[in-house]
Amino acid sequence: MPQMNKGGKYIFGMSLIREDGSVQFPTQAVTEYRIAEEGKVYLFTGSKSTGGFCVTRRGLLLPSKLGKILEETPALRDYTEKQGNFIPYKGRSYCWTEITQSGQITLTEGMMAFLNITPGMKLLSIRSSDIAFTMGAKGPLLEKAAHFEGEIPLFS
């Protein structure tokens, strides 16, 4: 996994959004976050500078300091909200979707429109915290990745 600069963020790789909306997360991110073990993940809007979305699961989010998000939105916590329907909460929006055991999700057209991403885009998988990783769509890290001299694996 490359580190873009000394003391900087760690990058798991790039993921291509396929024409059918499917996205394969990098193997190392899938393993490190055990992201596929519950069969469902939460996506939430990325930062203004990075865009895209962040990925976590209930077992990571609920016991964390951010667990209040799920406590205060039981439809999200219990997966009774429609899959892929974003719920606003304190400046970000959250949804849930199914994930395969290999770490692949499928974004609907509505989800992609909400996140301002499109098929054919490459998302940069970034270690964000101990509870989520980011699939960044824009910003300085993507620009650095484009000019990175090492190899950044592409998952498609």
N, C-alpha and C. Protein backbone atom coordinates (compact mmCIF):
# COMPACT_ATOMS: atom_id res chain seq x y z
N MET A 1 0.86 -1.17 0.00
CA MET A 1 0.00 0.00 0.00
C MET A 1 0.90 1.23 0.00
N PRO A 2 0.78 2.08 -1.00
CA PRO A 2 1.64 3.27 -1.03
C PRO A 2 1.21 4.34 -0.03
N GLN A 3 2.19 5.10 0.42
CA GLN A 3 1.92 6.28 1.22
C GLN A 3 2.31 7.44 0.31
N MET A 4 1.37 8.33 0.07
CA MET A 4 1.58 9.37 -0.94
C MET A 4 2.74 10.30 -0.59
N ASN A 5 2.91 10.61 0.67
CA ASN A 5 4.04 11.41 1.11
C ASN A 5 4.32 11.07 2.57
N LYS A 6 5.52 11.39 3.05
CA LYS A 6 5.92 11.05 4.40
C LYS A 6 4.92 11.62 5.40
N GLY A 7 4.39 10.76 6.26
CA GLY A 7 3.41 11.19 7.24
C GLY A 7 2.01 11.35 6.67
N GLY A 8 1.83 11.01 5.39
CA GLY A 8 0.54 11.20 4.73
C GLY A 8 -0.37 10.00 4.84
N LYS A 9 -1.48 10.10 4.14
CA LYS A 9 -2.49 9.05 4.16
C LYS A 9 -2.00 7.80 3.42
N TYR A 10 -2.45 6.66 3.89
CA TYR A 10 -2.17 5.39 3.22
C TYR A 10 -3.25 5.12 2.18
N ILE A 11 -2.84 4.61 1.06
CA ILE A 11 -3.73 4.34 -0.06
C ILE A 11 -3.79 2.82 -0.27
N PHE A 12 -5.02 2.29 -0.34
CA PHE A 12 -5.19 0.85 -0.60
C PHE A 12 -5.15 0.55 -2.09
N GLY A 13 -5.56 1.50 -2.91
CA GLY A 13 -5.61 1.30 -4.35
C GLY A 13 -6.70 2.15 -4.97
N MET A 14 -6.95 1.89 -6.23
CA MET A 14 -8.01 2.59 -6.98
C MET A 14 -9.08 1.57 -7.33
N SER A 15 -10.34 2.01 -7.32
CA SER A 15 -11.45 1.15 -7.72
C SER A 15 -12.22 1.83 -8.83
N LEU A 16 -12.50 1.07 -9.86
CA LEU A 16 -13.25 1.57 -11.00
C LEU A 16 -14.74 1.37 -10.75
N ILE A 17 -15.54 2.41 -11.03
CA ILE A 17 -16.99 2.24 -10.99
C ILE A 17 -17.39 1.69 -12.35
N ARG A 18 -17.84 0.45 -12.38
CA ARG A 18 -18.23 -0.19 -13.63
C ARG A 18 -19.55 0.38 -14.15
N GLU A 19 -19.84 0.08 -15.40
CA GLU A 19 -21.06 0.59 -16.04
C GLU A 19 -22.32 0.18 -15.28
N ASP A 20 -22.31 -0.99 -14.63
CA ASP A 20 -23.49 -1.44 -13.89
C ASP A 20 -23.53 -0.89 -12.46
N GLY A 21 -22.58 0.00 -12.12
CA GLY A 21 -22.53 0.61 -10.79
C GLY A 21 -21.77 -0.20 -9.76
N SER A 22 -21.24 -1.35 -10.15
CA SER A 22 -20.51 -2.16 -9.18
C SER A 22 -19.13 -1.57 -8.92
N VAL A 23 -18.71 -1.73 -7.67
CA VAL A 23 -17.41 -1.22 -7.21
C VAL A 23 -16.76 -2.32 -6.37
N GLN A 24 -15.56 -2.72 -6.75
CA GLN A 24 -14.80 -3.70 -5.98
C GLN A 24 -13.84 -2.95 -5.07
N PHE A 25 -13.98 -3.13 -3.77
CA PHE A 25 -13.06 -2.49 -2.84
C PHE A 25 -11.72 -3.24 -2.85
N PRO A 26 -10.62 -2.52 -2.62
CA PRO A 26 -9.31 -3.17 -2.58
C PRO A 26 -9.27 -4.27 -1.51
N THR A 27 -8.59 -5.35 -1.85
CA THR A 27 -8.50 -6.51 -0.96
C THR A 27 -8.00 -6.15 0.42
N GLN A 28 -6.98 -5.31 0.49
CA GLN A 28 -6.41 -4.96 1.79
C GLN A 28 -7.42 -4.19 2.65
N ALA A 29 -8.23 -3.32 2.05
CA ALA A 29 -9.26 -2.59 2.81
C ALA A 29 -10.33 -3.56 3.30
N VAL A 30 -10.73 -4.49 2.43
CA VAL A 30 -11.74 -5.50 2.80
C VAL A 30 -11.26 -6.30 4.00
N THR A 31 -9.99 -6.68 3.98
CA THR A 31 -9.42 -7.49 5.05
C THR A 31 -9.22 -6.67 6.32
N GLU A 32 -8.60 -5.51 6.21
CA GLU A 32 -8.28 -4.70 7.38
C GLU A 32 -9.52 -4.28 8.16
N TYR A 33 -10.59 -3.89 7.46
CA TYR A 33 -11.81 -3.44 8.11
C TYR A 33 -12.83 -4.58 8.29
N ARG A 34 -12.47 -5.78 7.80
CA ARG A 34 -13.40 -6.92 7.82
C ARG A 34 -14.77 -6.44 7.32
N ILE A 35 -14.73 -5.68 6.26
CA ILE A 35 -15.88 -4.93 5.79
C ILE A 35 -17.02 -5.80 5.26
N ALA A 36 -16.71 -6.99 4.80
CA ALA A 36 -17.75 -7.83 4.19
C ALA A 36 -18.39 -8.81 5.17
N GLU A 37 -17.89 -8.89 6.39
CA GLU A 37 -18.33 -9.96 7.29
C GLU A 37 -19.79 -9.88 7.71
N GLU A 38 -20.42 -8.71 7.64
CA GLU A 38 -21.82 -8.58 8.06
C GLU A 38 -22.80 -8.64 6.88
N GLY A 39 -22.26 -8.62 5.66
CA GLY A 39 -23.12 -8.68 4.48
C GLY A 39 -23.77 -7.36 4.10
N LYS A 40 -23.58 -6.35 4.94
CA LYS A 40 -24.12 -5.01 4.68
C LYS A 40 -23.09 -3.99 5.16
N VAL A 41 -23.06 -2.85 4.48
CA VAL A 41 -22.16 -1.77 4.88
C VAL A 41 -22.94 -0.46 4.89
N TYR A 42 -22.38 0.49 5.60
CA TYR A 42 -22.90 1.86 5.58
C TYR A 42 -21.99 2.69 4.70
N LEU A 43 -22.60 3.50 3.87
CA LEU A 43 -21.87 4.48 3.08
C LEU A 43 -22.28 5.84 3.60
N PHE A 44 -21.34 6.75 3.67
CA PHE A 44 -21.71 8.13 4.01
C PHE A 44 -20.86 9.09 3.20
N THR A 45 -21.44 10.26 2.99
CA THR A 45 -20.82 11.25 2.11
C THR A 45 -19.42 11.60 2.60
N GLY A 46 -18.53 11.74 1.63
CA GLY A 46 -17.15 12.11 1.92
C GLY A 46 -17.04 13.59 2.23
N SER A 47 -15.83 14.03 2.49
CA SER A 47 -15.59 15.44 2.79
C SER A 47 -15.78 16.29 1.53
N LYS A 48 -15.91 17.59 1.72
CA LYS A 48 -16.07 18.49 0.58
C LYS A 48 -14.85 18.44 -0.33
N SER A 49 -13.67 18.26 0.26
CA SER A 49 -12.46 18.28 -0.56
C SER A 49 -12.20 16.96 -1.29
N THR A 50 -12.63 15.83 -0.72
CA THR A 50 -12.36 14.52 -1.32
C THR A 50 -13.56 13.94 -2.06
N GLY A 51 -14.76 14.34 -1.66
CA GLY A 51 -15.97 13.82 -2.30
C GLY A 51 -16.09 12.32 -2.12
N GLY A 52 -16.80 11.69 -3.03
CA GLY A 52 -16.97 10.24 -2.95
C GLY A 52 -17.76 9.84 -1.73
N PHE A 53 -17.32 8.75 -1.08
CA PHE A 53 -18.04 8.26 0.09
C PHE A 53 -17.09 7.49 1.00
N CYS A 54 -17.52 7.36 2.25
CA CYS A 54 -16.80 6.57 3.24
C CYS A 54 -17.56 5.27 3.45
N VAL A 55 -16.84 4.23 3.88
CA VAL A 55 -17.41 2.90 4.03
C VAL A 55 -17.10 2.37 5.43
N THR A 56 -18.14 1.86 6.09
CA THR A 56 -17.98 1.22 7.39
C THR A 56 -19.04 0.14 7.54
N ARG A 57 -19.05 -0.50 8.69
CA ARG A 57 -20.07 -1.52 8.98
C ARG A 57 -20.56 -1.31 10.40
N ARG A 58 -21.71 -1.90 10.71
CA ARG A 58 -22.33 -1.69 12.02
C ARG A 58 -21.39 -2.08 13.16
N GLY A 59 -20.68 -3.20 13.04
CA GLY A 59 -19.79 -3.65 14.10
C GLY A 59 -18.64 -2.70 14.40
N LEU A 60 -18.30 -1.84 13.46
CA LEU A 60 -17.27 -0.82 13.68
C LEU A 60 -17.88 0.49 14.15
N LEU A 61 -19.01 0.86 13.56
CA LEU A 61 -19.61 2.17 13.83
C LEU A 61 -20.33 2.21 15.17
N LEU A 62 -21.14 1.22 15.48
CA LEU A 62 -21.98 1.26 16.67
C LEU A 62 -21.20 1.42 17.97
N PRO A 63 -20.12 0.67 18.21
CA PRO A 63 -19.40 0.84 19.48
C PRO A 63 -18.45 2.06 19.51
N SER A 64 -18.35 2.78 18.40
CA SER A 64 -17.42 3.92 18.35
C SER A 64 -18.08 5.19 18.90
N LYS A 65 -17.29 6.25 18.94
CA LYS A 65 -17.81 7.56 19.37
C LYS A 65 -18.90 8.05 18.42
N LEU A 66 -18.91 7.53 17.20
CA LEU A 66 -19.92 7.92 16.22
C LEU A 66 -21.15 7.02 16.25
N GLY A 67 -21.19 6.10 17.20
CA GLY A 67 -22.31 5.17 17.31
C GLY A 67 -23.65 5.86 17.49
N LYS A 68 -23.62 7.09 17.96
CA LYS A 68 -24.85 7.87 18.15
C LYS A 68 -25.62 8.02 16.84
N ILE A 69 -24.90 8.02 15.74
CA ILE A 69 -25.56 8.12 14.42
C ILE A 69 -26.58 6.99 14.28
N LEU A 70 -26.17 5.78 14.60
CA LEU A 70 -27.07 4.63 14.48
C LEU A 70 -28.11 4.61 15.59
N GLU A 71 -27.73 5.03 16.79
CA GLU A 71 -28.69 5.08 17.89
C GLU A 71 -29.84 6.05 17.57
N GLU A 72 -29.52 7.15 16.90
CA GLU A 72 -30.53 8.17 16.61
C GLU A 72 -31.23 7.98 15.27
N THR A 73 -30.78 7.02 14.47
CA THR A 73 -31.46 6.70 13.21
C THR A 73 -31.70 5.18 13.16
N PRO A 74 -32.68 4.70 13.93
CA PRO A 74 -32.91 3.25 14.00
C PRO A 74 -33.22 2.60 12.65
N ALA A 75 -33.82 3.34 11.73
CA ALA A 75 -34.10 2.77 10.40
C ALA A 75 -32.81 2.44 9.66
N LEU A 76 -31.79 3.20 9.93
CA LEU A 76 -30.48 2.92 9.35
C LEU A 76 -29.82 1.76 10.11
N ARG A 77 -29.83 1.85 11.43
CA ARG A 77 -29.21 0.82 12.28
C ARG A 77 -29.80 -0.57 12.00
N ASP A 78 -31.12 -0.63 11.83
CA ASP A 78 -31.81 -1.91 11.67
C ASP A 78 -32.02 -2.31 10.21
N TYR A 79 -31.49 -1.51 9.30
CA TYR A 79 -31.61 -1.75 7.85
C TYR A 79 -33.06 -1.79 7.39
N THR A 80 -33.94 -1.03 8.04
CA THR A 80 -35.34 -0.98 7.60
C THR A 80 -35.56 0.16 6.60
N GLU A 81 -34.65 1.12 6.58
CA GLU A 81 -34.69 2.16 5.54
C GLU A 81 -34.39 1.47 4.22
N LYS A 82 -34.98 1.98 3.15
CA LYS A 82 -34.75 1.39 1.83
C LYS A 82 -33.25 1.39 1.51
N GLN A 83 -32.76 0.27 1.03
CA GLN A 83 -31.35 0.16 0.66
C GLN A 83 -30.97 1.26 -0.31
N GLY A 84 -29.87 1.96 -0.03
CA GLY A 84 -29.37 3.01 -0.92
C GLY A 84 -30.02 4.37 -0.73
N ASN A 85 -30.98 4.48 0.18
CA ASN A 85 -31.64 5.76 0.43
C ASN A 85 -30.86 6.53 1.50
N PHE A 86 -30.33 7.68 1.13
CA PHE A 86 -29.50 8.46 2.04
C PHE A 86 -30.34 9.24 3.05
N ILE A 87 -29.92 9.17 4.31
CA ILE A 87 -30.57 9.87 5.41
C ILE A 87 -29.61 10.94 5.92
N PRO A 88 -30.05 12.21 5.93
CA PRO A 88 -29.15 13.26 6.44
C PRO A 88 -29.03 13.18 7.97
N TYR A 89 -27.81 13.43 8.45
CA TYR A 89 -27.56 13.46 9.90
C TYR A 89 -26.36 14.35 10.15
N LYS A 90 -26.59 15.47 10.79
CA LYS A 90 -25.54 16.40 11.21
C LYS A 90 -24.47 16.67 10.15
N GLY A 91 -24.90 17.11 8.99
CA GLY A 91 -23.96 17.55 7.97
C GLY A 91 -23.50 16.52 6.96
N ARG A 92 -23.77 15.25 7.22
CA ARG A 92 -23.44 14.20 6.26
C ARG A 92 -24.70 13.39 6.00
N SER A 93 -24.65 12.54 5.01
CA SER A 93 -25.79 11.68 4.70
C SER A 93 -25.31 10.24 4.68
N TYR A 94 -26.17 9.33 5.17
CA TYR A 94 -25.82 7.93 5.38
C TYR A 94 -26.84 7.01 4.72
N CYS A 95 -26.36 5.89 4.20
CA CYS A 95 -27.25 4.85 3.69
C CYS A 95 -26.60 3.51 3.97
N TRP A 96 -27.32 2.44 3.68
CA TRP A 96 -26.75 1.11 3.78
C TRP A 96 -26.92 0.41 2.44
N THR A 97 -26.07 -0.55 2.19
CA THR A 97 -26.19 -1.38 1.00
C THR A 97 -25.55 -2.73 1.27
N GLU A 98 -25.91 -3.70 0.47
CA GLU A 98 -25.34 -5.03 0.61
C GLU A 98 -23.93 -5.06 0.02
N ILE A 99 -23.14 -5.99 0.55
CA ILE A 99 -21.76 -6.18 0.07
C ILE A 99 -21.52 -7.68 -0.08
N THR A 100 -20.81 -8.05 -1.13
CA THR A 100 -20.48 -9.46 -1.33
C THR A 100 -19.33 -9.86 -0.41
N GLN A 101 -19.11 -11.14 -0.26
CA GLN A 101 -18.01 -11.63 0.57
C GLN A 101 -16.66 -11.18 0.03
N SER A 102 -16.57 -10.92 -1.29
CA SER A 102 -15.31 -10.47 -1.86
C SER A 102 -15.11 -8.96 -1.73
N GLY A 103 -16.13 -8.24 -1.22
CA GLY A 103 -15.99 -6.80 -1.02
C GLY A 103 -16.48 -5.96 -2.17
N GLN A 104 -17.54 -6.38 -2.82
CA GLN A 104 -18.10 -5.61 -3.94
C GLN A 104 -19.48 -5.10 -3.58
N ILE A 105 -19.74 -3.84 -3.92
CA ILE A 105 -21.08 -3.26 -3.76
C ILE A 105 -21.57 -2.84 -5.13
N THR A 106 -22.86 -2.58 -5.23
CA THR A 106 -23.43 -2.02 -6.46
C THR A 106 -24.18 -0.76 -6.12
N LEU A 107 -23.74 0.34 -6.73
CA LEU A 107 -24.38 1.64 -6.54
C LEU A 107 -25.48 1.80 -7.58
N THR A 108 -26.64 2.25 -7.15
CA THR A 108 -27.73 2.53 -8.09
C THR A 108 -27.47 3.88 -8.75
N GLU A 109 -28.21 4.17 -9.81
CA GLU A 109 -28.09 5.48 -10.46
C GLU A 109 -28.40 6.59 -9.47
N GLY A 110 -29.40 6.38 -8.62
CA GLY A 110 -29.76 7.38 -7.61
C GLY A 110 -28.65 7.63 -6.61
N MET A 111 -28.02 6.55 -6.17
CA MET A 111 -26.90 6.69 -5.22
C MET A 111 -25.75 7.46 -5.87
N MET A 112 -25.43 7.10 -7.12
CA MET A 112 -24.33 7.77 -7.81
C MET A 112 -24.65 9.25 -8.03
N ALA A 113 -25.88 9.56 -8.39
CA ALA A 113 -26.27 10.95 -8.59
C ALA A 113 -26.13 11.73 -7.28
N PHE A 114 -26.59 11.12 -6.18
CA PHE A 114 -26.51 11.76 -4.87
C PHE A 114 -25.05 12.04 -4.50
N LEU A 115 -24.17 11.10 -4.81
CA LEU A 115 -22.75 11.22 -4.46
C LEU A 115 -21.93 11.97 -5.51
N ASN A 116 -22.57 12.33 -6.61
CA ASN A 116 -21.90 13.05 -7.69
C ASN A 116 -20.74 12.25 -8.28
N ILE A 117 -21.00 10.97 -8.52
CA ILE A 117 -20.02 10.10 -9.16
C ILE A 117 -20.71 9.39 -10.32
N THR A 118 -19.91 8.87 -11.26
CA THR A 118 -20.48 8.25 -12.45
C THR A 118 -19.70 6.99 -12.84
N PRO A 119 -20.35 6.11 -13.59
CA PRO A 119 -19.61 4.93 -14.09
C PRO A 119 -18.39 5.39 -14.90
N GLY A 120 -17.32 4.62 -14.79
CA GLY A 120 -16.08 4.96 -15.48
C GLY A 120 -15.10 5.74 -14.60
N MET A 121 -15.59 6.33 -13.52
CA MET A 121 -14.70 7.06 -12.61
C MET A 121 -13.86 6.08 -11.81
N LYS A 122 -12.67 6.53 -11.45
CA LYS A 122 -11.81 5.77 -10.54
C LYS A 122 -11.85 6.47 -9.19
N LEU A 123 -12.08 5.67 -8.16
CA LEU A 123 -12.12 6.17 -6.79
C LEU A 123 -10.86 5.72 -6.06
N LEU A 124 -10.25 6.61 -5.31
CA LEU A 124 -9.05 6.32 -4.56
C LEU A 124 -9.43 5.83 -3.17
N SER A 125 -9.01 4.63 -2.82
CA SER A 125 -9.34 4.05 -1.52
C SER A 125 -8.28 4.48 -0.50
N ILE A 126 -8.74 5.21 0.51
CA ILE A 126 -7.85 5.87 1.47
C ILE A 126 -8.17 5.40 2.88
N ARG A 127 -7.15 5.03 3.65
CA ARG A 127 -7.37 4.71 5.06
C ARG A 127 -7.70 6.02 5.78
N SER A 128 -8.91 6.10 6.32
CA SER A 128 -9.36 7.34 6.96
C SER A 128 -9.22 7.30 8.47
N SER A 129 -9.71 6.22 9.07
CA SER A 129 -9.71 6.07 10.52
C SER A 129 -9.78 4.59 10.83
N ASP A 130 -9.95 4.27 12.11
CA ASP A 130 -10.07 2.86 12.47
C ASP A 130 -11.48 2.33 12.28
N ILE A 131 -12.43 3.21 11.90
CA ILE A 131 -13.80 2.73 11.69
C ILE A 131 -14.28 2.85 10.25
N ALA A 132 -13.57 3.55 9.40
CA ALA A 132 -14.03 3.72 8.01
C ALA A 132 -12.86 4.00 7.08
N PHE A 133 -13.06 3.64 5.81
CA PHE A 133 -12.12 4.06 4.77
C PHE A 133 -12.91 4.89 3.76
N THR A 134 -12.19 5.71 3.03
CA THR A 134 -12.80 6.64 2.08
C THR A 134 -12.55 6.19 0.66
N MET A 135 -13.57 6.32 -0.17
CA MET A 135 -13.45 6.11 -1.61
C MET A 135 -13.54 7.50 -2.23
N GLY A 136 -12.39 8.16 -2.34
CA GLY A 136 -12.33 9.55 -2.77
C GLY A 136 -12.49 9.73 -4.27
N ALA A 137 -13.21 10.78 -4.66
CA ALA A 137 -13.50 11.03 -6.06
C ALA A 137 -12.78 12.25 -6.63
N LYS A 138 -12.21 13.09 -5.76
CA LYS A 138 -11.56 14.31 -6.24
C LYS A 138 -10.58 14.81 -5.19
N GLY A 139 -9.90 15.89 -5.53
CA GLY A 139 -9.06 16.56 -4.56
C GLY A 139 -7.59 16.27 -4.67
N PRO A 140 -6.83 16.82 -3.74
CA PRO A 140 -5.37 16.76 -3.78
C PRO A 140 -4.80 15.34 -3.76
N LEU A 141 -5.41 14.43 -3.01
CA LEU A 141 -4.87 13.07 -2.97
C LEU A 141 -5.01 12.37 -4.32
N LEU A 142 -6.11 12.61 -5.01
CA LEU A 142 -6.27 12.02 -6.34
C LEU A 142 -5.27 12.61 -7.32
N GLU A 143 -5.00 13.90 -7.19
CA GLU A 143 -4.00 14.55 -8.04
C GLU A 143 -2.61 13.96 -7.76
N LYS A 144 -2.29 13.75 -6.48
CA LYS A 144 -1.00 13.12 -6.14
C LYS A 144 -0.93 11.71 -6.68
N ALA A 145 -2.03 10.97 -6.57
CA ALA A 145 -2.07 9.59 -7.08
C ALA A 145 -1.82 9.56 -8.58
N ALA A 146 -2.36 10.54 -9.30
CA ALA A 146 -2.19 10.58 -10.76
C ALA A 146 -0.73 10.77 -11.14
N HIS A 147 0.04 11.40 -10.27
CA HIS A 147 1.46 11.67 -10.56
C HIS A 147 2.40 10.81 -9.72
N PHE A 148 1.85 9.85 -9.00
CA PHE A 148 2.65 8.98 -8.14
C PHE A 148 3.53 8.08 -9.01
N GLU A 149 4.81 7.98 -8.67
CA GLU A 149 5.75 7.21 -9.48
C GLU A 149 5.70 5.71 -9.19
N GLY A 150 5.16 5.34 -8.03
CA GLY A 150 5.04 3.92 -7.70
C GLY A 150 3.78 3.34 -8.32
N GLU A 151 3.50 2.12 -7.92
CA GLU A 151 2.32 1.44 -8.46
C GLU A 151 1.15 1.52 -7.49
N ILE A 152 0.00 1.94 -7.99
CA ILE A 152 -1.23 1.95 -7.21
C ILE A 152 -2.14 0.90 -7.86
N PRO A 153 -2.47 -0.18 -7.13
CA PRO A 153 -3.27 -1.23 -7.73
C PRO A 153 -4.66 -0.74 -8.10
N LEU A 154 -5.16 -1.25 -9.27
CA LEU A 154 -6.50 -0.91 -9.74
C LEU A 154 -7.39 -2.13 -9.57
N PHE A 155 -8.51 -1.93 -8.89
CA PHE A 155 -9.51 -3.00 -8.70
C PHE A 155 -10.71 -2.68 -9.57
N SER A 156 -11.00 -3.59 -10.49
CA SER A 156 -12.13 -3.33 -11.40
C SER A 156 -13.02 -4.54 -11.54
